[in-house]
Amino acid sequence: MTIGLGELVLGAILEPMVHAYGVQYSDGGQLVMNQFLGGLFGTLCAPWLIRRMGRKALLLSAFGVMTAMEIAYTALPPWGAMLTIAPVTGFSFGVIETLVGSLVISGAGANANVAMTRVETFFGVGALIVPFAGAALIEAGQWRLSFGVVGVLAVLSFALWLRFWPKQLLGGRSLEPAGEADASAASGDESSNARAGRSVVGGPGFILAICALFFAAYVGVEMSFTHYLPSLLVKSNGLSDATATLALAAFWGAMTIGRLFAGRLADRIGGAVYLVASCLASIVCFLLMSVTSGAPAMFVLAFLAGLSMSGIFAIALVFANQAVPGITERTTSVLIACGLLGGGLVPKITGWCLDEYGTTATKWLFAGTAVLMLAIIGVAVYLYRRARRSVVLLEGA
């Protein structure tokens, strides 16, 4: 929940912050991009830091850094300093998200879909709080205190992890040095996959690369939409900053509701089918937004888009770990890193598009990115199923 608040608070207050600093939307996109690039570095460094520091020390240190940076944000330093604070804040987000995600997937086993969607549900709860808190603080003229709220929650998270750190992690394998458990598990799982990978284009490594591209597109469009939806409503519908921010409540409310059921639905129909169907539904929502101008319709479509996208991140993360088994921490790190890369670059492009071409072109940009997501996941599913058939044939031989 704390990470959900932290990652999305910039979007909730971007409109008044841009005006307060006298900068352009593309400059706001640069701030978002800097934070996400810091997150990218954090996720890539997380496996190495786990081996050096251990899981508990690393997680607590990341929450400490997050607290300090949110306090610095609250002080509203010069814009150049804000751009410097952002990547350090993002670094702490990346470490926390990677570490917690890998623990959940490794520890949940066959229940990974349900477990990850529950974790994402709490991310959604945090994200749902953002628009209400942001709207209230904007209305009161104290929007910068949004950062302070995140800082307080980071302190609480630090205290809770310190007090209630589980004695046994990863199904009782917590005494193994981090990374060795994954490596030992990988040896058996990858032996047949390696043979398949050498004989079939689209082995585990190639599938991981495709999934990484999917994560970049998905996180990019999700972050762009949530960061710029209020600005779109202000520019195209004349809503106040506070009212426009409430549109995020519709989106994240739907996200939270959808995640309550996404894991079980994916288990029932299959993760691959779920991902394809979710991408199709997202395309429909964004296409309708592109040809719709009314504020009520935008609120409804934001809600439906939230339902459509609610389980994509968690189910795609589990799908990728099933396609590349046995190296959970490494796979999770790569995927979240690529997601953060997309989350940094696509909002930057979106801000430029909004400045140069206006709201309609920006909505079409969302729709186009959703189409790209569908194409990428379609390739990943095809290659995964093809590789699995090859493994079965090799083992039968």
Protein backbone atom coordinates (compact mmCIF):
# COMPACT_ATOMS: atom_id res chain seq x y z
CA MET A 1 0.00 0.00 0.00
CA THR A 2 2.83 2.38 0.85
CA ILE A 3 4.47 1.78 -2.53
CA GLY A 4 1.14 2.33 -4.27
CA LEU A 5 0.87 5.73 -2.62
CA GLY A 6 4.50 6.59 -3.25
CA GLU A 7 4.59 5.73 -6.93
CA LEU A 8 1.37 7.51 -7.82
CA VAL A 9 1.35 10.60 -5.65
CA LEU A 10 3.20 12.55 -8.34
CA GLY A 11 0.34 11.95 -10.77
CA ALA A 12 -2.30 13.07 -8.29
CA ILE A 13 -0.65 16.44 -7.67
CA LEU A 14 1.12 16.92 -11.00
CA GLU A 15 -1.32 19.59 -12.20
CA PRO A 16 -0.86 22.03 -9.27
CA MET A 17 2.84 21.20 -9.00
CA VAL A 18 3.47 22.09 -12.64
CA HIS A 19 1.71 25.43 -12.14
CA ALA A 20 3.47 26.13 -8.82
CA TYR A 21 6.91 25.63 -10.33
CA GLY A 22 6.02 27.32 -13.62
CA VAL A 23 7.20 24.36 -15.74
CA GLN A 24 5.69 22.46 -18.67
CA TYR A 25 3.95 19.08 -18.67
CA SER A 26 7.03 17.62 -20.35
CA ASP A 27 9.06 18.81 -17.35
CA GLY A 28 6.63 17.01 -15.07
CA GLY A 29 7.14 13.95 -17.25
CA GLN A 30 10.89 14.33 -16.71
CA LEU A 31 10.35 14.21 -12.95
CA VAL A 32 8.29 11.03 -13.31
CA MET A 33 10.88 9.57 -15.65
CA ASN A 34 13.73 10.29 -13.21
CA GLN A 35 11.87 8.53 -10.41
CA PHE A 36 11.19 5.50 -12.54
CA LEU A 37 14.73 5.32 -13.85
CA GLY A 38 15.88 5.28 -10.24
CA GLY A 39 13.45 2.41 -9.72
CA LEU A 40 14.96 0.65 -12.72
CA PHE A 41 18.42 0.84 -11.16
CA GLY A 42 17.02 -0.31 -7.82
CA THR A 43 15.41 -3.42 -9.27
CA LEU A 44 18.54 -4.35 -11.21
CA CYS A 45 20.70 -3.93 -8.10
CA ALA A 46 18.28 -5.74 -5.79
CA PRO A 47 19.55 -9.34 -6.34
CA TRP A 48 23.16 -8.22 -5.80
CA LEU A 49 22.20 -6.19 -2.72
CA ILE A 50 20.26 -9.14 -1.30
CA ARG A 51 23.38 -11.28 -1.48
CA ARG A 52 25.47 -8.53 0.14
CA MET A 53 23.11 -7.30 2.85
CA GLY A 54 20.45 -9.95 3.34
CA ARG A 55 16.74 -9.47 2.79
CA LYS A 56 15.82 -7.89 6.13
CA ALA A 57 18.60 -5.29 6.23
CA LEU A 58 18.00 -4.35 2.61
CA LEU A 59 14.25 -3.93 2.99
CA LEU A 60 14.55 -1.84 6.14
CA SER A 61 17.26 0.33 4.56
CA ALA A 62 15.07 0.93 1.51
CA PHE A 63 12.18 2.10 3.68
CA GLY A 64 14.57 4.42 5.52
CA VAL A 65 15.75 6.00 2.26
CA MET A 66 12.16 6.30 1.06
CA THR A 67 11.19 8.17 4.24
CA ALA A 68 14.05 10.65 3.89
CA MET A 69 13.29 11.39 0.24
CA GLU A 70 9.57 11.93 0.84
CA ILE A 71 10.44 14.46 3.54
CA ALA A 72 12.74 16.18 1.04
CA TYR A 73 9.91 16.28 -1.52
CA THR A 74 7.63 17.89 1.08
CA ALA A 75 10.06 20.80 1.51
CA LEU A 76 9.51 21.73 -2.18
CA PRO A 77 13.16 22.49 -3.01
CA PRO A 78 14.11 24.11 -6.34
CA TRP A 79 13.07 22.16 -9.44
CA GLY A 80 16.60 20.96 -10.11
CA ALA A 81 16.74 19.45 -6.63
CA MET A 82 13.38 17.76 -7.19
CA LEU A 83 14.82 16.13 -10.31
CA THR A 84 17.73 14.87 -8.19
CA ILE A 85 15.57 13.56 -5.35
CA ALA A 86 13.33 11.62 -7.76
CA PRO A 87 15.80 8.87 -8.83
CA VAL A 88 16.86 8.21 -5.22
CA THR A 89 13.20 7.84 -4.25
CA GLY A 90 12.64 5.54 -7.20
CA PHE A 91 15.66 3.43 -6.21
CA SER A 92 14.04 2.64 -2.86
CA PHE A 93 10.74 1.80 -4.57
CA GLY A 94 12.48 -0.58 -6.96
CA VAL A 95 14.32 -2.44 -4.21
CA ILE A 96 11.19 -2.83 -2.08
CA GLU A 97 8.95 -3.95 -4.95
CA THR A 98 11.45 -6.50 -6.27
CA LEU A 99 12.23 -7.97 -2.87
CA VAL A 100 8.63 -8.32 -1.75
CA GLY A 101 7.49 -9.65 -5.15
CA SER A 102 10.16 -12.36 -5.28
CA LEU A 103 9.36 -13.43 -1.70
CA VAL A 104 5.66 -13.78 -2.47
CA ILE A 105 6.11 -15.73 -5.73
CA SER A 106 8.71 -18.07 -4.25
CA GLY A 107 6.77 -18.68 -1.06
CA ALA A 108 3.30 -19.07 -2.58
CA GLY A 109 4.12 -21.92 -4.98
CA ALA A 110 0.99 -23.11 -6.79
CA ASN A 111 -1.02 -20.25 -5.26
CA ALA A 112 1.21 -17.59 -6.83
CA ASN A 113 -1.59 -16.05 -8.95
CA VAL A 114 -3.84 -15.51 -5.93
CA ALA A 115 -1.00 -14.40 -3.66
CA MET A 116 0.37 -11.82 -6.10
CA THR A 117 -3.07 -10.39 -6.87
CA ARG A 118 -3.63 -9.97 -3.12
CA VAL A 119 -0.37 -8.04 -2.86
CA GLU A 120 -1.42 -5.94 -5.85
CA THR A 121 -4.80 -5.38 -4.20
CA PHE A 122 -3.07 -3.54 -1.36
CA PHE A 123 -1.05 -1.59 -3.94
CA GLY A 124 -4.43 -0.63 -5.39
CA VAL A 125 -5.74 0.39 -1.96
CA GLY A 126 -2.78 2.73 -1.59
CA ALA A 127 -3.34 4.08 -5.08
CA LEU A 128 -7.05 4.52 -4.31
CA ILE A 129 -6.25 6.68 -1.29
CA VAL A 130 -4.08 8.98 -3.42
CA PRO A 131 -6.83 10.79 -5.38
CA PHE A 132 -9.01 11.41 -2.31
CA ALA A 133 -6.11 12.62 -0.19
CA GLY A 134 -4.68 14.57 -3.13
CA ALA A 135 -8.01 16.23 -3.92
CA ALA A 136 -8.52 17.25 -0.29
CA LEU A 137 -5.00 18.62 0.04
CA ILE A 138 -5.23 20.44 -3.31
CA GLU A 139 -8.51 22.01 -2.21
CA ALA A 140 -6.85 23.13 1.03
CA GLY A 141 -3.85 24.51 -0.86
CA GLN A 142 -1.50 22.05 0.86
CA TRP A 143 -0.89 19.56 -1.96
CA ARG A 144 2.78 19.18 -1.00
CA LEU A 145 1.74 17.41 2.23
CA SER A 146 0.84 14.42 0.03
CA PHE A 147 4.54 13.57 0.13
CA GLY A 148 4.49 13.86 3.91
CA VAL A 149 1.67 11.30 4.13
CA VAL A 150 3.76 8.84 2.12
CA GLY A 151 6.73 9.50 4.39
CA VAL A 152 4.67 8.71 7.50
CA LEU A 153 3.47 5.45 5.94
CA ALA A 154 7.06 4.53 5.06
CA VAL A 155 7.99 4.95 8.74
CA LEU A 156 5.07 2.73 9.76
CA SER A 157 6.08 0.11 7.19
CA PHE A 158 9.64 0.15 8.51
CA ALA A 159 8.37 -0.41 12.06
CA LEU A 160 6.03 -3.24 11.06
CA TRP A 161 8.68 -5.13 9.07
CA LEU A 162 11.16 -4.66 11.90
CA ARG A 163 8.70 -5.98 14.50
CA PHE A 164 6.99 -8.73 12.51
CA TRP A 165 9.73 -10.00 10.20
CA PRO A 166 8.79 -13.65 9.45
CA LYS A 167 11.15 -16.24 10.91
CA GLN A 168 10.75 -18.54 7.93
CA LEU A 169 10.78 -17.31 4.34
CA LEU A 170 10.41 -19.10 1.04
CA GLY A 171 8.91 -22.20 2.58
CA GLY A 172 11.59 -22.70 5.23
CA ARG A 173 14.58 -21.93 2.98
CA SER A 174 15.41 -18.61 4.63
CA LEU A 175 18.72 -19.88 6.00
CA GLU A 176 20.11 -20.44 2.51
CA PRO A 177 22.15 -17.54 1.15
CA ALA A 178 19.93 -15.45 -1.06
CA GLY A 179 20.16 -16.60 -4.64
CA GLU A 180 21.43 -20.13 -3.88
CA ALA A 181 17.92 -21.45 -3.42
CA ASP A 182 16.91 -20.11 -6.80
CA ALA A 183 20.07 -21.44 -8.40
CA SER A 184 19.62 -24.94 -7.01
CA ALA A 185 15.96 -25.01 -8.00
CA ALA A 186 16.86 -23.81 -11.45
CA SER A 187 19.26 -26.65 -12.19
CA GLY A 188 16.56 -29.27 -12.56
CA ASP A 189 13.91 -27.04 -14.13
CA GLU A 190 16.24 -25.54 -16.71
CA SER A 191 17.83 -28.76 -17.93
CA SER A 192 14.94 -29.71 -20.16
CA ASN A 193 14.15 -26.06 -20.96
CA ALA A 194 17.73 -25.49 -22.05
CA ARG A 195 17.53 -28.38 -24.50
CA ALA A 196 14.28 -26.97 -25.83
CA GLY A 197 15.75 -23.47 -26.00
CA ARG A 198 18.66 -24.67 -28.15
CA SER A 199 16.39 -26.46 -30.57
CA VAL A 200 13.45 -24.08 -30.68
CA VAL A 201 13.46 -20.34 -31.36
CA GLY A 202 11.67 -18.93 -28.35
CA GLY A 203 13.38 -20.71 -25.46
CA PRO A 204 13.10 -19.39 -21.89
CA GLY A 205 15.60 -16.56 -22.37
CA PHE A 206 13.85 -15.27 -25.46
CA ILE A 207 10.46 -15.53 -23.78
CA LEU A 208 11.83 -13.54 -20.83
CA ALA A 209 12.94 -10.80 -23.23
CA ILE A 210 9.46 -10.67 -24.79
CA CYS A 211 7.85 -10.54 -21.34
CA ALA A 212 10.23 -7.74 -20.36
CA LEU A 213 9.04 -5.74 -23.38
CA PHE A 214 5.44 -6.39 -22.31
CA PHE A 215 6.14 -5.07 -18.83
CA ALA A 216 7.70 -1.92 -20.27
CA ALA A 217 4.58 -1.27 -22.37
CA TYR A 218 2.11 -2.13 -19.60
CA VAL A 219 3.69 -0.12 -16.77
CA GLY A 220 4.31 2.71 -19.23
CA VAL A 221 0.66 3.04 -20.21
CA GLU A 222 -0.60 2.53 -16.64
CA MET A 223 1.68 5.20 -15.23
CA SER A 224 1.02 7.59 -18.12
CA PHE A 225 -2.73 7.20 -17.74
CA THR A 226 -2.72 7.70 -13.98
CA HIS A 227 -0.29 10.63 -14.11
CA TYR A 228 -2.03 12.53 -16.90
CA LEU A 229 -5.72 11.61 -16.54
CA PRO A 230 -6.41 14.62 -14.27
CA SER A 231 -4.60 16.94 -16.68
CA LEU A 232 -6.59 15.54 -19.61
CA LEU A 233 -9.84 16.26 -17.78
CA VAL A 234 -8.72 19.77 -16.81
CA LYS A 235 -7.67 20.67 -20.36
CA SER A 236 -10.50 19.01 -22.29
CA ASN A 237 -13.44 19.30 -19.87
CA GLY A 238 -12.59 22.35 -17.76
CA LEU A 239 -12.77 20.51 -14.44
CA SER A 240 -11.03 21.87 -11.37
CA ASP A 241 -7.77 20.26 -10.29
CA ALA A 242 -9.41 18.67 -7.24
CA THR A 243 -12.40 17.27 -9.18
CA ALA A 244 -10.22 15.92 -11.98
CA THR A 245 -8.02 14.13 -9.45
CA LEU A 246 -11.07 12.16 -8.29
CA ALA A 247 -11.14 10.41 -11.67
CA LEU A 248 -8.16 8.45 -10.38
CA ALA A 249 -10.42 7.14 -7.62
CA ALA A 250 -12.64 5.56 -10.27
CA PHE A 251 -9.65 3.93 -11.95
CA TRP A 252 -7.97 2.67 -8.78
CA GLY A 253 -11.25 1.66 -7.19
CA ALA A 254 -11.88 -0.61 -10.16
CA MET A 255 -8.27 -1.85 -10.00
CA THR A 256 -8.73 -2.80 -6.35
CA ILE A 257 -12.05 -4.56 -6.96
CA GLY A 258 -10.70 -6.43 -9.98
CA ARG A 259 -7.64 -7.67 -8.12
CA LEU A 260 -9.85 -9.34 -5.52
CA PHE A 261 -10.97 -11.80 -8.22
CA ALA A 262 -8.19 -11.72 -10.82
CA GLY A 263 -6.05 -14.48 -9.31
CA ARG A 264 -8.86 -17.02 -9.05
CA LEU A 265 -10.15 -16.11 -12.50
CA ALA A 266 -6.68 -16.58 -13.99
CA ASP A 267 -6.37 -19.96 -12.26
CA ARG A 268 -9.72 -20.99 -13.74
CA ILE A 269 -9.23 -19.91 -17.36
CA GLY A 270 -5.42 -19.92 -17.47
CA GLY A 271 -2.99 -17.05 -17.07
CA ALA A 272 -2.31 -16.73 -20.80
CA VAL A 273 -5.99 -16.48 -21.72
CA TYR A 274 -6.53 -13.99 -18.92
CA LEU A 275 -3.73 -11.73 -20.17
CA VAL A 276 -4.95 -11.75 -23.77
CA ALA A 277 -8.54 -11.02 -22.71
CA SER A 278 -7.42 -8.19 -20.40
CA CYS A 279 -5.38 -6.56 -23.17
CA LEU A 280 -8.35 -6.75 -25.56
CA ALA A 281 -10.65 -5.15 -22.99
CA SER A 282 -8.09 -2.40 -22.35
CA ILE A 283 -7.90 -1.62 -26.06
CA VAL A 284 -11.67 -1.22 -26.22
CA CYS A 285 -11.67 1.17 -23.24
CA PHE A 286 -8.89 3.37 -24.60
CA LEU A 287 -10.42 3.45 -28.08
CA LEU A 288 -13.72 4.62 -26.61
CA MET A 289 -11.88 7.32 -24.65
CA SER A 290 -10.29 8.52 -27.87
CA VAL A 291 -13.68 9.25 -29.42
CA THR A 292 -15.37 10.48 -26.22
CA SER A 293 -15.17 13.98 -24.79
CA GLY A 294 -17.73 14.11 -21.96
CA ALA A 295 -16.45 14.09 -18.39
CA PRO A 296 -19.04 11.54 -17.09
CA ALA A 297 -18.13 9.13 -19.89
CA MET A 298 -14.43 9.54 -19.11
CA PHE A 299 -15.08 8.67 -15.46
CA VAL A 300 -17.00 5.53 -16.48
CA LEU A 301 -14.35 4.48 -18.99
CA ALA A 302 -11.61 5.09 -16.42
CA PHE A 303 -13.44 2.67 -14.11
CA LEU A 304 -13.78 0.05 -16.87
CA ALA A 305 -10.12 0.46 -17.82
CA GLY A 306 -9.21 -0.17 -14.21
CA LEU A 307 -11.20 -3.42 -14.21
CA SER A 308 -9.61 -4.49 -17.49
CA MET A 309 -6.05 -3.83 -16.33
CA SER A 310 -6.46 -4.89 -12.69
CA GLY A 311 -4.71 -8.25 -12.83
CA ILE A 312 -2.28 -7.78 -15.71
CA PHE A 313 0.84 -6.97 -13.69
CA ALA A 314 0.50 -9.79 -11.16
CA ILE A 315 -0.62 -12.48 -13.61
CA ALA A 316 2.05 -11.52 -16.15
CA LEU A 317 4.70 -11.74 -13.42
CA VAL A 318 3.58 -15.26 -12.49
CA PHE A 319 3.31 -16.26 -16.17
CA ALA A 320 6.88 -15.13 -16.84
CA ASN A 321 8.22 -17.01 -13.80
CA GLN A 322 6.47 -20.15 -15.02
CA ALA A 323 7.99 -19.68 -18.46
CA VAL A 324 11.47 -19.20 -16.95
CA PRO A 325 11.37 -21.37 -13.80
CA GLY A 326 13.87 -21.59 -10.97
CA ILE A 327 15.38 -18.08 -11.02
CA THR A 328 12.58 -16.11 -9.38
CA GLU A 329 14.59 -13.24 -7.92
CA ARG A 330 16.48 -12.66 -11.17
CA THR A 331 13.36 -12.92 -13.35
CA THR A 332 11.32 -10.68 -11.05
CA SER A 333 14.14 -8.13 -10.98
CA VAL A 334 14.45 -8.01 -14.78
CA LEU A 335 10.70 -7.72 -15.35
CA ILE A 336 10.11 -5.01 -12.75
CA ALA A 337 13.18 -3.14 -14.02
CA CYS A 338 11.81 -3.14 -17.56
CA GLY A 339 8.43 -2.10 -16.23
CA LEU A 340 10.04 0.84 -14.47
CA LEU A 341 11.92 1.72 -17.66
CA GLY A 342 8.62 1.90 -19.49
CA GLY A 343 7.10 3.75 -16.55
CA GLY A 344 9.80 6.37 -16.93
CA LEU A 345 9.97 6.72 -20.70
CA VAL A 346 6.30 6.51 -21.71
CA PRO A 347 5.12 9.28 -19.32
CA LYS A 348 7.89 11.48 -20.71
CA ILE A 349 6.58 10.83 -24.24
CA THR A 350 3.01 11.37 -23.02
CA GLY A 351 3.86 14.74 -21.48
CA TRP A 352 5.52 15.83 -24.73
CA CYS A 353 2.50 14.61 -26.71
CA LEU A 354 0.11 16.53 -24.44
CA ASP A 355 2.17 19.71 -24.81
CA GLU A 356 2.60 19.48 -28.57
CA TYR A 357 -0.57 17.77 -29.87
CA GLY A 358 -3.22 18.07 -27.16
CA THR A 359 -5.59 15.73 -25.39
CA THR A 360 -7.01 13.77 -28.32
CA ALA A 361 -3.61 12.65 -29.58
CA THR A 362 -2.66 11.66 -26.04
CA LYS A 363 -5.72 9.42 -25.75
CA TRP A 364 -4.81 7.75 -29.04
CA LEU A 365 -1.32 7.20 -27.68
CA PHE A 366 -2.85 5.19 -24.82
CA ALA A 367 -4.87 3.12 -27.28
CA GLY A 368 -1.85 2.44 -29.47
CA THR A 369 0.21 1.28 -26.50
CA ALA A 370 -2.58 -1.10 -25.49
CA VAL A 371 -2.55 -2.59 -29.00
CA LEU A 372 1.22 -3.06 -28.68
CA MET A 373 0.66 -4.89 -25.37
CA LEU A 374 -1.73 -7.33 -27.03
CA ALA A 375 0.71 -8.05 -29.84
CA ILE A 376 3.59 -8.66 -27.43
CA ILE A 377 1.71 -10.96 -25.06
CA GLY A 378 0.34 -12.87 -28.03
CA VAL A 379 3.90 -13.60 -29.17
CA ALA A 380 4.97 -14.56 -25.64
CA VAL A 381 2.08 -17.00 -25.19
CA TYR A 382 2.71 -18.59 -28.59
CA LEU A 383 6.42 -19.07 -27.91
CA TYR A 384 5.80 -20.39 -24.38
CA ARG A 385 3.33 -23.01 -25.58
CA ARG A 386 5.62 -23.95 -28.46
CA ALA A 387 8.56 -24.40 -26.08
CA ARG A 388 6.47 -26.52 -23.70
CA ARG A 389 5.42 -28.84 -26.52
CA SER A 390 9.07 -29.23 -27.47
CA VAL A 391 10.00 -30.09 -23.87
CA VAL A 392 7.29 -32.76 -23.76
CA LEU A 393 8.53 -34.26 -27.02
CA LEU A 394 12.15 -34.29 -25.82
CA GLU A 395 11.25 -35.87 -22.50
CA GLY A 396 9.10 -38.46 -24.26
CA ALA A 397 12.02 -39.32 -26.52
